[in-house]
Amino acid sequence: MPSTDWRSPAAYAHTKGISAAGFAWEYLRRDEDYRRDFHRVRRLSRLNSGAQAAFSERWGLRFPDGPGSLRRPGCAVLDAISAA
């Protein structure tokens, strides 16, 4: 559990300097259903594109890097899908 008082405006001062996507990510990553889905999909094979697509669709995310990305292993980059 966070040790800061969630009712204190000071606890949210950092949100003034982040983008809308960054703000959304700060709260999405705390959602227990999201975390459960993320860990389930993470354990699957990279070849299970159906499960990855379902996860992305459910949470409104897209993963801009494909397999073979030069990112460090375990470092996920997420983008919010813009509403059309």
C-alpha atoms as a PDB file:
ATOM      1  CA  MET A   1       0.000   0.000   0.000  1.00  0.00           C
ATOM      2  CA  PRO A   2       1.214   3.510  -0.733  1.00  0.00           C
ATOM      3  CA  SER A   3       2.315   5.397   2.346  1.00  0.00           C
ATOM      4  CA  THR A   4       1.016   8.766   1.105  1.00  0.00           C
ATOM      5  CA  ASP A   5      -2.393  10.140   1.983  1.00  0.00           C
ATOM      6  CA  TRP A   6      -4.476   9.797  -1.195  1.00  0.00           C
ATOM      7  CA  ARG A   7      -6.677  12.672  -0.040  1.00  0.00           C
ATOM      8  CA  SER A   8      -3.761  15.108   0.032  1.00  0.00           C
ATOM      9  CA  PRO A   9      -3.337  17.349  -3.039  1.00  0.00           C
ATOM     10  CA  ALA A  10       0.434  17.024  -2.555  1.00  0.00           C
ATOM     11  CA  ALA A  11       0.149  13.293  -3.352  1.00  0.00           C
ATOM     12  CA  TYR A  12      -0.894  14.225  -6.903  1.00  0.00           C
ATOM     13  CA  ALA A  13       1.482  17.131  -7.578  1.00  0.00           C
ATOM     14  CA  HIS A  14       3.474  14.943  -9.997  1.00  0.00           C
ATOM     15  CA  THR A  15       0.438  14.600 -12.296  1.00  0.00           C
ATOM     16  CA  LYS A  16       0.672  18.232 -13.426  1.00  0.00           C
ATOM     17  CA  GLY A  17       3.690  17.444 -15.582  1.00  0.00           C
ATOM     18  CA  ILE A  18       2.664  14.208 -17.309  1.00  0.00           C
ATOM     19  CA  SER A  19       0.846  13.629 -20.585  1.00  0.00           C
ATOM     20  CA  ALA A  20      -2.714  12.325 -20.801  1.00  0.00           C
ATOM     21  CA  ALA A  21      -1.362   8.881 -21.749  1.00  0.00           C
ATOM     22  CA  GLY A  22       1.024   8.970 -18.798  1.00  0.00           C
ATOM     23  CA  PHE A  23      -1.797   9.964 -16.485  1.00  0.00           C
ATOM     24  CA  ALA A  24      -3.984   7.125 -17.792  1.00  0.00           C
ATOM     25  CA  TRP A  25      -1.122   4.661 -17.353  1.00  0.00           C
ATOM     26  CA  GLU A  26      -0.612   5.711 -13.719  1.00  0.00           C
ATOM     27  CA  TYR A  27      -4.145   4.551 -12.943  1.00  0.00           C
ATOM     28  CA  LEU A  28      -4.425   1.625 -15.342  1.00  0.00           C
ATOM     29  CA  ARG A  29      -1.401  -0.078 -13.809  1.00  0.00           C
ATOM     30  CA  ARG A  30      -3.131  -0.056 -10.421  1.00  0.00           C
ATOM     31  CA  ASP A  31      -6.233  -1.873 -11.727  1.00  0.00           C
ATOM     32  CA  GLU A  32      -6.207  -5.428 -10.374  1.00  0.00           C
ATOM     33  CA  ASP A  33      -8.055  -6.860 -13.387  1.00  0.00           C
ATOM     34  CA  TYR A  34      -5.514  -5.263 -15.736  1.00  0.00           C
ATOM     35  CA  ARG A  35      -2.599  -6.581 -13.701  1.00  0.00           C
ATOM     36  CA  ARG A  36      -4.069 -10.098 -13.671  1.00  0.00           C
ATOM     37  CA  ASP A  37      -4.622 -10.000 -17.458  1.00  0.00           C
ATOM     38  CA  PHE A  38      -1.143  -8.594 -18.050  1.00  0.00           C
ATOM     39  CA  HIS A  39       0.558 -11.352 -16.059  1.00  0.00           C
ATOM     40  CA  ARG A  40      -1.540 -14.023 -17.801  1.00  0.00           C
ATOM     41  CA  VAL A  41      -0.652 -12.736 -21.285  1.00  0.00           C
ATOM     42  CA  ARG A  42       2.980 -12.211 -20.322  1.00  0.00           C
ATOM     43  CA  ARG A  43       3.304 -15.931 -19.517  1.00  0.00           C
ATOM     44  CA  LEU A  44       2.000 -16.928 -22.964  1.00  0.00           C
ATOM     45  CA  SER A  45       4.136 -17.522 -26.018  1.00  0.00           C
ATOM     46  CA  ARG A  46       4.878 -14.510 -28.229  1.00  0.00           C
ATOM     47  CA  LEU A  47       3.240 -16.520 -30.997  1.00  0.00           C
ATOM     48  CA  ASN A  48      -0.145 -16.376 -29.262  1.00  0.00           C
ATOM     49  CA  SER A  49      -1.192 -13.256 -31.152  1.00  0.00           C
ATOM     50  CA  GLY A  50      -4.904 -13.925 -30.514  1.00  0.00           C
ATOM     51  CA  ALA A  51      -4.491 -13.599 -26.750  1.00  0.00           C
ATOM     52  CA  GLN A  52      -2.295 -10.525 -27.184  1.00  0.00           C
ATOM     53  CA  ALA A  53      -4.860  -8.920 -29.493  1.00  0.00           C
ATOM     54  CA  ALA A  54      -7.703  -9.661 -27.059  1.00  0.00           C
ATOM     55  CA  PHE A  55      -5.689  -8.133 -24.207  1.00  0.00           C
ATOM     56  CA  SER A  56      -4.890  -5.045 -26.270  1.00  0.00           C
ATOM     57  CA  GLU A  57      -8.496  -4.614 -27.292  1.00  0.00           C
ATOM     58  CA  ARG A  58      -9.917  -5.090 -23.821  1.00  0.00           C
ATOM     59  CA  TRP A  59      -7.629  -2.447 -22.325  1.00  0.00           C
ATOM     60  CA  GLY A  60      -7.449  -0.078 -25.326  1.00  0.00           C
ATOM     61  CA  LEU A  61      -3.703  -0.500 -25.767  1.00  0.00           C
ATOM     62  CA  ARG A  62      -1.334  -0.932 -28.644  1.00  0.00           C
ATOM     63  CA  PHE A  63       2.218  -2.148 -28.590  1.00  0.00           C
ATOM     64  CA  PRO A  64       4.226  -0.158 -31.147  1.00  0.00           C
ATOM     65  CA  ASP A  65       7.260  -2.468 -31.185  1.00  0.00           C
ATOM     66  CA  GLY A  66       7.046  -5.874 -32.763  1.00  0.00           C
ATOM     67  CA  PRO A  67       8.998  -8.980 -31.811  1.00  0.00           C
ATOM     68  CA  GLY A  68      12.713  -8.414 -32.309  1.00  0.00           C
ATOM     69  CA  SER A  69      12.524  -4.932 -30.851  1.00  0.00           C
ATOM     70  CA  LEU A  70      15.748  -3.450 -29.546  1.00  0.00           C
ATOM     71  CA  ARG A  71      14.156  -2.651 -26.182  1.00  0.00           C
ATOM     72  CA  ARG A  72      15.554  -4.223 -23.055  1.00  0.00           C
ATOM     73  CA  PRO A  73      13.803  -7.510 -22.183  1.00  0.00           C
ATOM     74  CA  GLY A  74      10.974  -6.961 -19.708  1.00  0.00           C
ATOM     75  CA  CYS A  75      10.608  -3.281 -20.597  1.00  0.00           C
ATOM     76  CA  ALA A  76       7.144  -2.833 -22.104  1.00  0.00           C
ATOM     77  CA  VAL A  77       6.157   0.263 -24.055  1.00  0.00           C
ATOM     78  CA  LEU A  78       2.433   0.915 -24.144  1.00  0.00           C
ATOM     79  CA  ASP A  79       0.436   3.496 -26.077  1.00  0.00           C
ATOM     80  CA  ALA A  80      -3.213   4.287 -25.555  1.00  0.00           C
ATOM     81  CA  ILE A  81      -5.334   3.776 -28.662  1.00  0.00           C
ATOM     82  CA  SER A  82      -6.813   7.088 -29.656  1.00  0.00           C
ATOM     83  CA  ALA A  83     -10.576   7.184 -30.009  1.00  0.00           C
ATOM     84  CA  ALA A  84     -11.600   7.610 -33.641  1.00  0.00           C
END
